[in-house]
Amino acid sequence: MSAVEVKFKLGMVYYKKNNLSAAQNMWRDVLALDPDHREAQNMLRQIETDSAPGRDEDSSA
């Protein structure tokens, strides 16, 4: 298993444990090694979307 794969999978573990900062750091490391890594790009976008200002899943309209 390559370093890229290990870092991506570790990022997924952090993400599932809701440690988003650590997950982001792992995926940024992945992209530093492999800038075209689609899964890491997608997961970073997902975190940015989930934590966008004004997004409140607990409120009802």
N, C-alpha and C. Protein backbone atom coordinates (compact mmCIF):
# COMPACT_ATOMS: atom_id res chain seq x y z
N MET A 1 0.86 -1.18 0.00
CA MET A 1 0.00 0.00 0.00
C MET A 1 0.90 1.24 0.00
N SER A 2 0.58 2.19 -0.86
CA SER A 2 1.39 3.40 -0.98
C SER A 2 1.09 4.39 0.15
N ALA A 3 1.99 5.35 0.31
CA ALA A 3 1.79 6.40 1.31
C ALA A 3 0.51 7.19 1.03
N VAL A 4 0.21 7.40 -0.25
CA VAL A 4 -1.00 8.12 -0.63
C VAL A 4 -2.24 7.36 -0.15
N GLU A 5 -2.26 6.06 -0.38
CA GLU A 5 -3.40 5.24 0.05
C GLU A 5 -3.55 5.25 1.57
N VAL A 6 -2.43 5.12 2.27
CA VAL A 6 -2.47 5.10 3.74
C VAL A 6 -3.01 6.42 4.27
N LYS A 7 -2.50 7.53 3.76
CA LYS A 7 -2.95 8.85 4.22
C LYS A 7 -4.43 9.07 3.89
N PHE A 8 -4.87 8.63 2.71
CA PHE A 8 -6.28 8.80 2.37
C PHE A 8 -7.16 8.00 3.32
N LYS A 9 -6.80 6.75 3.57
CA LYS A 9 -7.60 5.90 4.46
C LYS A 9 -7.59 6.43 5.89
N LEU A 10 -6.45 6.93 6.34
CA LEU A 10 -6.39 7.53 7.68
C LEU A 10 -7.29 8.75 7.74
N GLY A 11 -7.32 9.53 6.68
CA GLY A 11 -8.24 10.67 6.61
C GLY A 11 -9.69 10.22 6.74
N MET A 12 -10.03 9.09 6.13
CA MET A 12 -11.39 8.57 6.24
C MET A 12 -11.71 8.15 7.67
N VAL A 13 -10.74 7.56 8.36
CA VAL A 13 -10.94 7.17 9.76
C VAL A 13 -11.21 8.42 10.59
N TYR A 14 -10.39 9.46 10.41
CA TYR A 14 -10.60 10.71 11.14
C TYR A 14 -11.97 11.30 10.82
N TYR A 15 -12.36 11.28 9.56
CA TYR A 15 -13.65 11.82 9.13
C TYR A 15 -14.80 11.10 9.82
N LYS A 16 -14.73 9.78 9.85
CA LYS A 16 -15.80 8.98 10.47
C LYS A 16 -15.87 9.21 11.98
N LYS A 17 -14.75 9.60 12.58
CA LYS A 17 -14.72 9.90 14.01
C LYS A 17 -15.00 11.39 14.27
N ASN A 18 -15.38 12.10 13.21
CA ASN A 18 -15.73 13.52 13.28
C ASN A 18 -14.55 14.41 13.67
N ASN A 19 -13.33 13.95 13.37
CA ASN A 19 -12.14 14.77 13.57
C ASN A 19 -11.80 15.39 12.22
N LEU A 20 -12.57 16.41 11.86
CA LEU A 20 -12.50 16.98 10.52
C LEU A 20 -11.18 17.68 10.24
N SER A 21 -10.60 18.31 11.24
CA SER A 21 -9.33 18.99 11.05
C SER A 21 -8.23 17.99 10.68
N ALA A 22 -8.16 16.88 11.39
CA ALA A 22 -7.16 15.86 11.10
C ALA A 22 -7.41 15.23 9.73
N ALA A 23 -8.69 15.03 9.39
CA ALA A 23 -9.03 14.47 8.08
C ALA A 23 -8.57 15.41 6.97
N GLN A 24 -8.85 16.69 7.13
CA GLN A 24 -8.42 17.67 6.13
C GLN A 24 -6.90 17.66 5.98
N ASN A 25 -6.19 17.59 7.09
CA ASN A 25 -4.72 17.57 7.02
C ASN A 25 -4.23 16.35 6.25
N MET A 26 -4.82 15.19 6.49
CA MET A 26 -4.41 13.98 5.77
C MET A 26 -4.67 14.12 4.28
N TRP A 27 -5.85 14.62 3.92
CA TRP A 27 -6.20 14.74 2.51
C TRP A 27 -5.37 15.81 1.81
N ARG A 28 -4.98 16.85 2.53
CA ARG A 28 -4.06 17.83 1.94
C ARG A 28 -2.69 17.20 1.70
N ASP A 29 -2.26 16.34 2.62
CA ASP A 29 -1.01 15.60 2.41
C ASP A 29 -1.12 14.72 1.17
N VAL A 30 -2.27 14.06 1.01
CA VAL A 30 -2.50 13.22 -0.17
C VAL A 30 -2.35 14.06 -1.44
N LEU A 31 -2.98 15.23 -1.45
CA LEU A 31 -2.94 16.07 -2.65
C LEU A 31 -1.55 16.66 -2.89
N ALA A 32 -0.76 16.82 -1.83
CA ALA A 32 0.63 17.26 -2.02
C ALA A 32 1.44 16.19 -2.75
N LEU A 33 1.11 14.93 -2.47
CA LEU A 33 1.81 13.81 -3.11
C LEU A 33 1.21 13.46 -4.47
N ASP A 34 -0.11 13.62 -4.58
CA ASP A 34 -0.83 13.26 -5.81
C ASP A 34 -1.93 14.30 -6.05
N PRO A 35 -1.57 15.41 -6.72
CA PRO A 35 -2.52 16.51 -6.92
C PRO A 35 -3.80 16.13 -7.66
N ASP A 36 -3.80 15.01 -8.36
CA ASP A 36 -4.97 14.58 -9.12
C ASP A 36 -5.82 13.54 -8.40
N HIS A 37 -5.57 13.33 -7.12
CA HIS A 37 -6.31 12.31 -6.36
C HIS A 37 -7.75 12.77 -6.17
N ARG A 38 -8.66 12.21 -6.97
CA ARG A 38 -10.06 12.65 -7.00
C ARG A 38 -10.78 12.44 -5.67
N GLU A 39 -10.56 11.31 -5.04
CA GLU A 39 -11.28 11.04 -3.79
C GLU A 39 -10.91 12.05 -2.71
N ALA A 40 -9.64 12.38 -2.59
CA ALA A 40 -9.22 13.38 -1.60
C ALA A 40 -9.81 14.74 -1.94
N GLN A 41 -9.81 15.10 -3.21
CA GLN A 41 -10.42 16.37 -3.63
C GLN A 41 -11.90 16.40 -3.25
N ASN A 42 -12.60 15.31 -3.53
CA ASN A 42 -14.04 15.24 -3.23
C ASN A 42 -14.31 15.33 -1.74
N MET A 43 -13.51 14.66 -0.93
CA MET A 43 -13.75 14.67 0.51
C MET A 43 -13.47 16.06 1.09
N LEU A 44 -12.44 16.73 0.61
CA LEU A 44 -12.18 18.10 1.08
C LEU A 44 -13.34 19.02 0.71
N ARG A 45 -13.87 18.86 -0.50
CA ARG A 45 -15.04 19.66 -0.91
C ARG A 45 -16.24 19.35 -0.03
N GLN A 46 -16.41 18.07 0.31
CA GLN A 46 -17.54 17.66 1.16
C GLN A 46 -17.47 18.34 2.52
N ILE A 47 -16.29 18.36 3.12
CA ILE A 47 -16.13 19.02 4.42
C ILE A 47 -16.43 20.51 4.29
N GLU A 48 -15.93 21.15 3.24
CA GLU A 48 -16.19 22.57 3.04
C GLU A 48 -17.68 22.84 2.88
N THR A 49 -18.38 21.98 2.16
CA THR A 49 -19.82 22.13 1.96
C THR A 49 -20.57 21.92 3.27
N ASP A 50 -20.18 20.89 4.01
CA ASP A 50 -20.85 20.58 5.28
C ASP A 50 -20.68 21.68 6.31
N SER A 51 -19.54 22.37 6.27
CA SER A 51 -19.27 23.38 7.30
C SER A 51 -19.45 24.80 6.78
N ALA A 52 -20.13 24.95 5.65
CA ALA A 52 -20.36 26.28 5.08
C ALA A 52 -21.21 27.12 6.02
N PRO A 53 -20.89 28.41 6.14
CA PRO A 53 -21.69 29.30 7.00
C PRO A 53 -23.15 29.33 6.56
N GLY A 54 -24.04 29.37 7.53
CA GLY A 54 -25.46 29.43 7.23
C GLY A 54 -26.09 28.07 7.06
N ARG A 55 -25.29 27.04 7.08
CA ARG A 55 -25.84 25.69 6.93
C ARG A 55 -26.13 25.16 8.33
N ASP A 56 -27.41 24.97 8.63
CA ASP A 56 -27.82 24.50 9.95
C ASP A 56 -28.84 23.39 9.75
N GLU A 57 -28.38 22.16 9.89
CA GLU A 57 -29.25 21.01 9.65
C GLU A 57 -30.30 20.83 10.75
N ASP A 58 -30.09 21.44 11.91
CA ASP A 58 -31.02 21.25 13.02
C ASP A 58 -32.22 22.18 12.95
N SER A 59 -32.14 23.23 12.14
CA SER A 59 -33.26 24.16 12.08
C SER A 59 -34.27 23.70 11.05
N SER A 60 -35.52 24.03 11.29
CA SER A 60 -36.57 23.69 10.33
C SER A 60 -37.24 24.96 9.87
N ALA A 61 -37.55 25.02 8.60
CA ALA A 61 -38.16 26.24 8.04
C ALA A 61 -39.65 26.12 8.00
